[in-house]
Amino acid sequence: MAESVKTAVNAFYAEYSQYPSNSGKTDLNFLNLMSTTNSTGASIQNTRGIAFLEVPPKFTNATLGLVTPSGFYKGQSNFFLAIDTNGGGVLTNRVGTSNYVVASSVAVWVVDPKNSNKPVGTFK
């Protein structure tokens, strides 16, 4: 799912020349903006009503938005989202007590449930 979110964020940027969000999480506003044709309610609008992301039901939560599937954690958790808004092409993300440098403009991850310092997602 993390790779799908990354692809959707890049597609949004290609369409609108701006990123959809840099809130740090895939919350309900992010999910609505990226996966529905309803463009109201967010500070950044999807005025063309394009569904950039198709999300299976196991990755959604009516309160949290786009989340890890049930069973991955004891509860569900949002994905973390980092966007390089300054155009450097490199992100430094902190996961637990570890820093990870990612040569990318978008990174999406969750914390490994077995190791709080390890990301699982688009860190390649």
Protein backbone atom coordinates (compact mmCIF):
# COMPACT_ATOMS: atom_id res chain seq x y z
CA MET A 1 0.00 0.00 0.00
CA ALA A 2 2.87 2.39 0.75
CA GLU A 3 4.07 2.24 -2.85
CA SER A 4 0.52 2.92 -4.11
CA VAL A 5 0.29 6.00 -1.88
CA LYS A 6 3.65 7.25 -3.15
CA THR A 7 2.53 6.77 -6.76
CA ALA A 8 -0.75 8.59 -6.07
CA VAL A 9 1.03 11.54 -4.44
CA ASN A 10 3.35 11.85 -7.44
CA ALA A 11 0.38 11.63 -9.84
CA PHE A 12 -1.38 14.40 -7.88
CA TYR A 13 1.74 16.53 -8.22
CA ALA A 14 1.92 15.83 -11.96
CA GLU A 15 -1.72 16.89 -12.36
CA TYR A 16 -1.77 20.01 -10.15
CA SER A 17 1.92 21.04 -9.81
CA GLN A 18 1.57 20.92 -6.03
CA TYR A 19 1.64 18.15 -3.47
CA PRO A 20 -1.63 17.04 -1.86
CA SER A 21 -0.51 17.24 1.76
CA ASN A 22 2.46 17.32 4.02
CA SER A 23 0.58 16.68 7.24
CA GLY A 24 2.83 13.73 7.97
CA LYS A 25 0.04 11.13 8.05
CA THR A 26 -2.51 9.60 5.75
CA ASP A 27 -5.45 10.97 7.71
CA LEU A 28 -9.11 11.15 6.68
CA ASN A 29 -8.63 14.43 4.74
CA PHE A 30 -5.77 12.87 2.78
CA LEU A 31 -7.82 9.75 2.03
CA ASN A 32 -10.82 11.77 0.83
CA LEU A 33 -8.66 14.03 -1.33
CA MET A 34 -6.80 11.17 -2.99
CA SER A 35 -9.45 8.47 -3.36
CA THR A 36 -12.73 10.22 -4.06
CA THR A 37 -14.03 12.67 -6.60
CA ASN A 38 -15.28 14.88 -3.75
CA SER A 39 -12.84 17.79 -3.64
CA THR A 40 -14.27 19.83 -0.79
CA GLY A 41 -13.04 20.22 2.76
CA ALA A 42 -9.26 20.25 2.34
CA SER A 43 -6.95 23.23 2.03
CA ILE A 44 -5.67 21.76 -1.24
CA GLN A 45 -8.43 20.87 -3.64
CA ASN A 46 -8.82 18.09 -6.20
CA THR A 47 -10.82 20.40 -8.47
CA ARG A 48 -10.86 17.97 -11.39
CA GLY A 49 -12.32 15.23 -9.19
CA ILE A 50 -9.72 12.60 -10.05
CA ALA A 51 -9.49 9.46 -7.92
CA PHE A 52 -5.71 9.08 -7.61
CA LEU A 53 -5.81 6.16 -5.20
CA GLU A 54 -7.99 3.06 -5.02
CA VAL A 55 -7.98 1.73 -1.49
CA PRO A 56 -9.14 -1.75 -0.45
CA PRO A 57 -11.54 -1.64 2.52
CA LYS A 58 -9.02 -3.32 4.84
CA PHE A 59 -6.85 -0.16 4.55
CA THR A 60 -9.58 2.31 5.55
CA ASN A 61 -10.98 3.50 8.84
CA ALA A 62 -13.92 5.93 9.05
CA THR A 63 -12.17 7.93 11.77
CA LEU A 64 -8.47 7.63 10.92
CA GLY A 65 -8.49 7.50 7.11
CA LEU A 66 -5.89 5.40 5.29
CA VAL A 67 -4.47 2.89 7.79
CA THR A 68 -2.54 -0.33 8.18
CA PRO A 69 -4.71 -3.45 7.89
CA SER A 70 -6.21 -4.96 11.02
CA GLY A 71 -3.77 -7.35 12.66
CA PHE A 72 -0.62 -5.49 11.60
CA TYR A 73 -0.70 -3.66 14.93
CA LYS A 74 -2.95 -4.28 17.92
CA GLY A 75 -5.00 -1.36 16.57
CA GLN A 76 -4.83 0.40 13.24
CA SER A 77 -2.32 3.15 12.51
CA ASN A 78 -1.99 5.76 9.78
CA PHE A 79 0.86 5.54 7.33
CA PHE A 80 3.50 8.25 7.74
CA LEU A 81 4.04 10.53 4.77
CA ALA A 82 7.00 12.81 4.05
CA ILE A 83 7.23 15.07 1.02
CA ASP A 84 10.31 16.98 -0.14
CA THR A 85 8.69 20.36 -0.70
CA ASN A 86 12.01 22.19 -1.17
CA GLY A 87 12.99 20.19 -4.27
CA GLY A 88 16.22 18.69 -2.95
CA GLY A 89 15.25 15.13 -3.89
CA VAL A 90 16.34 13.78 -0.50
CA LEU A 91 14.34 13.20 2.67
CA THR A 92 15.64 12.55 6.16
CA ASN A 93 13.00 10.79 8.22
CA ARG A 94 13.14 9.89 11.88
CA VAL A 95 11.71 6.51 12.86
CA GLY A 96 11.91 5.89 16.56
CA THR A 97 15.46 6.89 17.45
CA SER A 98 16.91 6.20 13.99
CA ASN A 99 17.28 8.60 11.06
CA TYR A 100 16.87 7.36 7.49
CA VAL A 101 17.98 9.28 4.43
CA VAL A 102 15.82 8.54 1.41
CA ALA A 103 16.78 9.66 -2.08
CA SER A 104 13.22 10.48 -3.10
CA SER A 105 10.71 13.30 -3.16
CA VAL A 106 8.03 11.20 -1.40
CA ALA A 107 8.36 8.56 1.32
CA VAL A 108 5.52 6.52 2.85
CA TRP A 109 5.98 4.12 5.75
CA VAL A 110 4.72 2.54 8.93
CA VAL A 111 6.82 1.57 11.91
CA ASP A 112 7.68 -2.13 12.01
CA PRO A 113 5.57 -3.61 14.82
CA LYS A 114 8.54 -5.74 15.93
CA ASN A 115 11.17 -2.95 15.84
CA SER A 116 10.15 0.63 16.66
CA ASN A 117 13.27 2.01 14.91
CA LYS A 118 12.62 0.30 11.58
CA PRO A 119 10.37 1.67 8.79
CA VAL A 120 8.33 -0.57 6.52
CA GLY A 121 7.42 1.08 3.23
CA THR A 122 9.08 3.02 0.44
CA PHE A 123 12.56 3.33 2.01
CA LYS A 124 14.72 1.95 -0.81
